[in-house]
């Protein structure tokens, strides 16, 4: 994954106001899932990123509620 793509993931997750511990954990999961989608489904980064955001939407909302 390119540096600008990693920065895009970081900016998105920072906008969710997660604690630093949760941010680090979720960031790793986002990077791994996006990489997996790109490689296995042969889709673009933007498409994989959107799919990952949708998949994690409920989990991120629950973390914010805590």
PDB file of N, CA and C in Angstrom:
ATOM      1  N   UNK A   1       0.846  -1.170   0.000  1.00  0.00           N
ATOM      2  CA  UNK A   1       0.000   0.000   0.000  1.00  0.00           C
ATOM      3  C   UNK A   1       0.898   1.243   0.000  1.00  0.00           C
ATOM      4  N   UNK A   2       0.448   2.253  -0.702  1.00  0.00           N
ATOM      5  CA  UNK A   2       1.237   3.479  -0.814  1.00  0.00           C
ATOM      6  C   UNK A   2       1.068   4.365   0.423  1.00  0.00           C
ATOM      7  N   UNK A   3       2.073   5.210   0.631  1.00  0.00           N
ATOM      8  CA  UNK A   3       2.077   6.081   1.818  1.00  0.00           C
ATOM      9  C   UNK A   3       0.839   6.981   1.864  1.00  0.00           C
ATOM     10  N   UNK A   4       0.456   7.547   0.722  1.00  0.00           N
ATOM     11  CA  UNK A   4      -0.707   8.440   0.710  1.00  0.00           C
ATOM     12  C   UNK A   4      -1.998   7.686   1.055  1.00  0.00           C
ATOM     13  N   UNK A   5      -2.057   6.399   0.731  1.00  0.00           N
ATOM     14  CA  UNK A   5      -3.220   5.593   1.078  1.00  0.00           C
ATOM     15  C   UNK A   5      -3.263   5.328   2.585  1.00  0.00           C
ATOM     16  N   UNK A   6      -2.106   5.056   3.163  1.00  0.00           N
ATOM     17  CA  UNK A   6      -2.029   4.861   4.619  1.00  0.00           C
ATOM     18  C   UNK A   6      -2.423   6.139   5.353  1.00  0.00           C
ATOM     19  N   UNK A   7      -2.016   7.277   4.808  1.00  0.00           N
ATOM     20  CA  UNK A   7      -2.371   8.573   5.405  1.00  0.00           C
ATOM     21  C   UNK A   7      -3.877   8.796   5.317  1.00  0.00           C
ATOM     22  N   UNK A   8      -4.478   8.392   4.209  1.00  0.00           N
ATOM     23  CA  UNK A   8      -5.928   8.532   4.054  1.00  0.00           C
ATOM     24  C   UNK A   8      -6.681   7.700   5.098  1.00  0.00           C
ATOM     25  N   UNK A   9      -6.210   6.488   5.346  1.00  0.00           N
ATOM     26  CA  UNK A   9      -6.811   5.639   6.377  1.00  0.00           C
ATOM     27  C   UNK A   9      -6.661   6.299   7.742  1.00  0.00           C
ATOM     28  N   UNK A  10      -5.455   6.796   8.010  1.00  0.00           N
ATOM     29  CA  UNK A  10      -5.178   7.455   9.292  1.00  0.00           C
ATOM     30  C   UNK A  10      -6.092   8.662   9.505  1.00  0.00           C
ATOM     31  N   UNK A  11      -6.242   9.498   8.484  1.00  0.00           N
ATOM     32  CA  UNK A  11      -7.110  10.676   8.602  1.00  0.00           C
ATOM     33  C   UNK A  11      -8.556  10.281   8.879  1.00  0.00           C
ATOM     34  N   UNK A  12      -9.011   9.259   8.183  1.00  0.00           N
ATOM     35  CA  UNK A  12     -10.390   8.801   8.382  1.00  0.00           C
ATOM     36  C   UNK A  12     -10.597   8.341   9.826  1.00  0.00           C
ATOM     37  N   UNK A  13      -9.676   7.522  10.325  1.00  0.00           N
ATOM     38  CA  UNK A  13      -9.834   7.003  11.685  1.00  0.00           C
ATOM     39  C   UNK A  13      -9.663   8.097  12.733  1.00  0.00           C
ATOM     40  N   UNK A  14      -8.786   9.053  12.494  1.00  0.00           N
ATOM     41  CA  UNK A  14      -8.631  10.167  13.438  1.00  0.00           C
ATOM     42  C   UNK A  14      -9.905  11.001  13.503  1.00  0.00           C
ATOM     43  N   UNK A  15     -10.634  11.066  12.405  1.00  0.00           N
ATOM     44  CA  UNK A  15     -11.890  11.825  12.402  1.00  0.00           C
ATOM     45  C   UNK A  15     -12.943  11.166  13.283  1.00  0.00           C
ATOM     46  N   UNK A  16     -12.727   9.915  13.646  1.00  0.00           N
ATOM     47  CA  UNK A  16     -13.664   9.178  14.499  1.00  0.00           C
ATOM     48  C   UNK A  16     -13.385   9.394  15.987  1.00  0.00           C
ATOM     49  N   UNK A  17     -12.339  10.161  16.309  1.00  0.00           N
ATOM     50  CA  UNK A  17     -11.993  10.498  17.695  1.00  0.00           C
ATOM     51  C   UNK A  17     -11.839   9.280  18.597  1.00  0.00           C
ATOM     52  N   UNK A  18     -11.075   8.310  18.120  1.00  0.00           N
ATOM     53  CA  UNK A  18     -10.818   7.097  18.890  1.00  0.00           C
ATOM     54  C   UNK A  18      -9.674   7.338  19.867  1.00  0.00           C
ATOM     55  N   UNK A  19      -9.653   6.589  20.952  1.00  0.00           N
ATOM     56  CA  UNK A  19      -8.501   6.670  21.853  1.00  0.00           C
ATOM     57  C   UNK A  19      -7.276   6.144  21.098  1.00  0.00           C
ATOM     58  N   UNK A  20      -6.095   6.484  21.560  1.00  0.00           N
ATOM     59  CA  UNK A  20      -4.884   6.072  20.838  1.00  0.00           C
ATOM     60  C   UNK A  20      -4.738   4.556  20.783  1.00  0.00           C
ATOM     61  N   UNK A  21      -5.120   3.866  21.845  1.00  0.00           N
ATOM     62  CA  UNK A  21      -5.021   2.398  21.862  1.00  0.00           C
ATOM     63  C   UNK A  21      -5.989   1.781  20.861  1.00  0.00           C
ATOM     64  N   UNK A  22      -7.211   2.275  20.853  1.00  0.00           N
ATOM     65  CA  UNK A  22      -8.220   1.759  19.917  1.00  0.00           C
ATOM     66  C   UNK A  22      -7.828   2.128  18.486  1.00  0.00           C
ATOM     67  N   UNK A  23      -7.353   3.345  18.289  1.00  0.00           N
ATOM     68  CA  UNK A  23      -6.922   3.781  16.961  1.00  0.00           C
ATOM     69  C   UNK A  23      -5.879   2.827  16.390  1.00  0.00           C
ATOM     70  N   UNK A  24      -4.857   2.507  17.177  1.00  0.00           N
ATOM     71  CA  UNK A  24      -3.776   1.641  16.710  1.00  0.00           C
ATOM     72  C   UNK A  24      -4.309   0.265  16.305  1.00  0.00           C
ATOM     73  N   UNK A  25      -5.193  -0.265  17.103  1.00  0.00           N
ATOM     74  CA  UNK A  25      -5.762  -1.585  16.822  1.00  0.00           C
ATOM     75  C   UNK A  25      -6.617  -1.559  15.555  1.00  0.00           C
ATOM     76  N   UNK A  26      -7.501  -0.581  15.463  1.00  0.00           N
ATOM     77  CA  UNK A  26      -8.405  -0.493  14.315  1.00  0.00           C
ATOM     78  C   UNK A  26      -7.622  -0.174  13.043  1.00  0.00           C
ATOM     79  N   UNK A  27      -6.616   0.678  13.147  1.00  0.00           N
ATOM     80  CA  UNK A  27      -5.783   1.020  11.992  1.00  0.00           C
ATOM     81  C   UNK A  27      -5.167  -0.246  11.399  1.00  0.00           C
ATOM     82  N   UNK A  28      -4.613  -1.093  12.249  1.00  0.00           N
ATOM     83  CA  UNK A  28      -4.020  -2.348  11.768  1.00  0.00           C
ATOM     84  C   UNK A  28      -5.058  -3.207  11.052  1.00  0.00           C
ATOM     85  N   UNK A  29      -6.243  -3.296  11.615  1.00  0.00           N
ATOM     86  CA  UNK A  29      -7.305  -4.088  10.991  1.00  0.00           C
ATOM     87  C   UNK A  29      -7.720  -3.498   9.642  1.00  0.00           C
ATOM     88  N   UNK A  30      -7.833  -2.178   9.578  1.00  0.00           N
ATOM     89  CA  UNK A  30      -8.188  -1.522   8.317  1.00  0.00           C
ATOM     90  C   UNK A  30      -7.142  -1.819   7.246  1.00  0.00           C
ATOM     91  N   UNK A  31      -5.878  -1.654   7.577  1.00  0.00           N
ATOM     92  CA  UNK A  31      -4.810  -1.870   6.599  1.00  0.00           C
ATOM     93  C   UNK A  31      -4.821  -3.319   6.110  1.00  0.00           C
ATOM     94  N   UNK A  32      -4.960  -4.253   7.034  1.00  0.00           N
ATOM     95  CA  UNK A  32      -4.953  -5.666   6.648  1.00  0.00           C
ATOM     96  C   UNK A  32      -6.157  -6.008   5.773  1.00  0.00           C
ATOM     97  N   UNK A  33      -7.340  -5.538   6.141  1.00  0.00           N
ATOM     98  CA  UNK A  33      -8.537  -5.855   5.373  1.00  0.00           C
ATOM     99  C   UNK A  33      -8.489  -5.214   3.987  1.00  0.00           C
ATOM    100  N   UNK A  34      -8.068  -3.974   3.914  1.00  0.00           N
ATOM    101  CA  UNK A  34      -7.973  -3.295   2.618  1.00  0.00           C
ATOM    102  C   UNK A  34      -6.966  -4.013   1.723  1.00  0.00           C
ATOM    103  N   UNK A  35      -5.818  -4.365   2.270  1.00  0.00           N
ATOM    104  CA  UNK A  35      -4.806  -5.091   1.493  1.00  0.00           C
ATOM    105  C   UNK A  35      -5.357  -6.418   0.993  1.00  0.00           C
ATOM    106  N   UNK A  36      -6.071  -7.108   1.862  1.00  0.00           N
ATOM    107  CA  UNK A  36      -6.660  -8.394   1.493  1.00  0.00           C
ATOM    108  C   UNK A  36      -7.678  -8.231   0.361  1.00  0.00           C
ATOM    109  N   UNK A  37      -8.534  -7.223   0.463  1.00  0.00           N
ATOM    110  CA  UNK A  37      -9.531  -6.976  -0.581  1.00  0.00           C
ATOM    111  C   UNK A  37      -8.870  -6.636  -1.913  1.00  0.00           C
ATOM    112  N   UNK A  38      -7.841  -5.808  -1.867  1.00  0.00           N
ATOM    113  CA  UNK A  38      -7.129  -5.417  -3.092  1.00  0.00           C
ATOM    114  C   UNK A  38      -6.516  -6.648  -3.759  1.00  0.00           C
ATOM    115  N   UNK A  39      -5.882  -7.495  -2.962  1.00  0.00           N
ATOM    116  CA  UNK A  39      -5.186  -8.657  -3.517  1.00  0.00           C
ATOM    117  C   UNK A  39      -6.119  -9.788  -3.931  1.00  0.00           C
ATOM    118  N   UNK A  40      -7.100 -10.103  -3.098  1.00  0.00           N
ATOM    119  CA  UNK A  40      -7.958 -11.259  -3.378  1.00  0.00           C
ATOM    120  C   UNK A  40      -9.075 -10.942  -4.362  1.00  0.00           C
ATOM    121  N   UNK A  41      -9.657  -9.756  -4.249  1.00  0.00           N
ATOM    122  CA  UNK A  41     -10.773  -9.399  -5.131  1.00  0.00           C
ATOM    123  C   UNK A  41     -10.315  -8.558  -6.315  1.00  0.00           C
ATOM    124  N   UNK A  42      -9.037  -8.201  -6.307  1.00  0.00           N
ATOM    125  CA  UNK A  42      -8.450  -7.395  -7.386  1.00  0.00           C
ATOM    126  C   UNK A  42      -9.266  -6.127  -7.648  1.00  0.00           C
ATOM    127  N   UNK A  43      -9.525  -5.394  -6.553  1.00  0.00           N
ATOM    128  CA  UNK A  43     -10.238  -4.130  -6.663  1.00  0.00           C
ATOM    129  C   UNK A  43      -9.279  -2.992  -6.314  1.00  0.00           C
ATOM    130  N   UNK A  44      -9.698  -1.770  -6.589  1.00  0.00           N
ATOM    131  CA  UNK A  44      -8.859  -0.604  -6.342  1.00  0.00           C
ATOM    132  C   UNK A  44      -8.846  -0.243  -4.861  1.00  0.00           C
ATOM    133  N   UNK A  45      -7.870   0.570  -4.482  1.00  0.00           N
ATOM    134  CA  UNK A  45      -7.810   1.036  -3.094  1.00  0.00           C
ATOM    135  C   UNK A  45      -9.090   1.770  -2.696  1.00  0.00           C
ATOM    136  N   UNK A  46      -9.567   2.738  -3.499  1.00  0.00           N
ATOM    137  CA  UNK A  46     -10.787   3.454  -3.069  1.00  0.00           C
ATOM    138  C   UNK A  46     -11.973   2.516  -2.825  1.00  0.00           C
ATOM    139  N   UNK A  47     -12.137   1.529  -3.680  1.00  0.00           N
ATOM    140  CA  UNK A  47     -13.250   0.593  -3.510  1.00  0.00           C
ATOM    141  C   UNK A  47     -13.067  -0.259  -2.251  1.00  0.00           C
ATOM    142  N   UNK A  48     -11.857  -0.729  -2.035  1.00  0.00           N
ATOM    143  CA  UNK A  48     -11.566  -1.532  -0.839  1.00  0.00           C
ATOM    144  C   UNK A  48     -11.729  -0.692   0.428  1.00  0.00           C
ATOM    145  N   UNK A  49     -11.327   0.568   0.360  1.00  0.00           N
ATOM    146  CA  UNK A  49     -11.442   1.469   1.508  1.00  0.00           C
ATOM    147  C   UNK A  49     -12.911   1.681   1.877  1.00  0.00           C
ATOM    148  N   UNK A  50     -13.743   1.917   0.875  1.00  0.00           N
ATOM    149  CA  UNK A  50     -15.176   2.125   1.121  1.00  0.00           C
ATOM    150  C   UNK A  50     -15.805   0.858   1.695  1.00  0.00           C
ATOM    151  N   UNK A  51     -15.461  -0.291   1.139  1.00  0.00           N
ATOM    152  CA  UNK A  51     -16.002  -1.551   1.665  1.00  0.00           C
ATOM    153  C   UNK A  51     -15.607  -1.751   3.125  1.00  0.00           C
ATOM    154  N   UNK A  52     -14.377  -1.391   3.458  1.00  0.00           N
ATOM    155  CA  UNK A  52     -13.886  -1.534   4.827  1.00  0.00           C
ATOM    156  C   UNK A  52     -14.600  -0.552   5.755  1.00  0.00           C
ATOM    157  N   UNK A  53     -14.802   0.658   5.308  1.00  0.00           N
ATOM    158  CA  UNK A  53     -15.527   1.642   6.108  1.00  0.00           C
ATOM    159  C   UNK A  53     -16.937   1.142   6.410  1.00  0.00           C
ATOM    160  N   UNK A  54     -17.600   0.592   5.411  1.00  0.00           N
ATOM    161  CA  UNK A  54     -18.963   0.077   5.604  1.00  0.00           C
ATOM    162  C   UNK A  54     -18.948  -1.088   6.588  1.00  0.00           C
ATOM    163  N   UNK A  55     -17.991  -1.998   6.405  1.00  0.00           N
ATOM    164  CA  UNK A  55     -17.905  -3.170   7.283  1.00  0.00           C
ATOM    165  C   UNK A  55     -17.676  -2.765   8.741  1.00  0.00           C
ATOM    166  N   UNK A  56     -16.890  -1.713   8.974  1.00  0.00           N
ATOM    167  CA  UNK A  56     -16.521  -1.290  10.330  1.00  0.00           C
ATOM    168  C   UNK A  56     -17.437  -0.215  10.902  1.00  0.00           C
ATOM    169  N   UNK A  57     -18.409   0.235  10.153  1.00  0.00           N
ATOM    170  CA  UNK A  57     -19.257   1.352  10.588  1.00  0.00           C
ATOM    171  C   UNK A  57     -19.888   1.109  11.957  1.00  0.00           C
ATOM    172  N   UNK A  58     -20.510  -0.049  12.148  1.00  0.00           N
ATOM    173  CA  UNK A  58     -21.168  -0.331  13.433  1.00  0.00           C
ATOM    174  C   UNK A  58     -20.170  -0.435  14.579  1.00  0.00           C
ATOM    175  N   UNK A  59     -19.038  -1.086  14.341  1.00  0.00           N
ATOM    176  CA  UNK A  59     -18.029  -1.238  15.382  1.00  0.00           C
ATOM    177  C   UNK A  59     -17.484   0.125  15.813  1.00  0.00           C
ATOM    178  N   UNK A  60     -17.252   1.007  14.860  1.00  0.00           N
ATOM    179  CA  UNK A  60     -16.722   2.343  15.199  1.00  0.00           C
ATOM    180  C   UNK A  60     -17.755   3.149  15.972  1.00  0.00           C
ATOM    181  N   UNK A  61     -19.018   2.990  15.662  1.00  0.00           N
ATOM    182  CA  UNK A  61     -20.065   3.686  16.403  1.00  0.00           C
ATOM    183  C   UNK A  61     -20.146   3.176  17.847  1.00  0.00           C
ATOM    184  N   UNK A  62     -19.975   1.880  18.055  1.00  0.00           N
ATOM    185  CA  UNK A  62     -20.011   1.313  19.401  1.00  0.00           C
ATOM    186  C   UNK A  62     -18.823   1.800  20.227  1.00  0.00           C
ATOM    187  N   UNK A  63     -17.674   1.913  19.608  1.00  0.00           N
ATOM    188  CA  UNK A  63     -16.478   2.378  20.315  1.00  0.00           C
ATOM    189  C   UNK A  63     -16.672   3.820  20.755  1.00  0.00           C
ATOM    190  N   UNK A  64     -17.277   4.645  19.889  1.00  0.00           N
ATOM    191  CA  UNK A  64     -17.530   6.039  20.247  1.00  0.00           C
ATOM    192  C   UNK A  64     -18.514   6.141  21.411  1.00  0.00           C
ATOM    193  N   UNK A  65     -19.473   5.222  21.465  1.00  0.00           N
ATOM    194  CA  UNK A  65     -20.473   5.252  22.533  1.00  0.00           C
ATOM    195  C   UNK A  65     -19.845   4.935  23.886  1.00  0.00           C
ATOM    196  N   UNK A  66     -18.790   4.123  23.884  1.00  0.00           N
ATOM    197  CA  UNK A  66     -18.110   3.780  25.133  1.00  0.00           C
ATOM    198  C   UNK A  66     -17.331   4.974  25.615  1.00  0.00           C
TER     199      UNK A  66
END
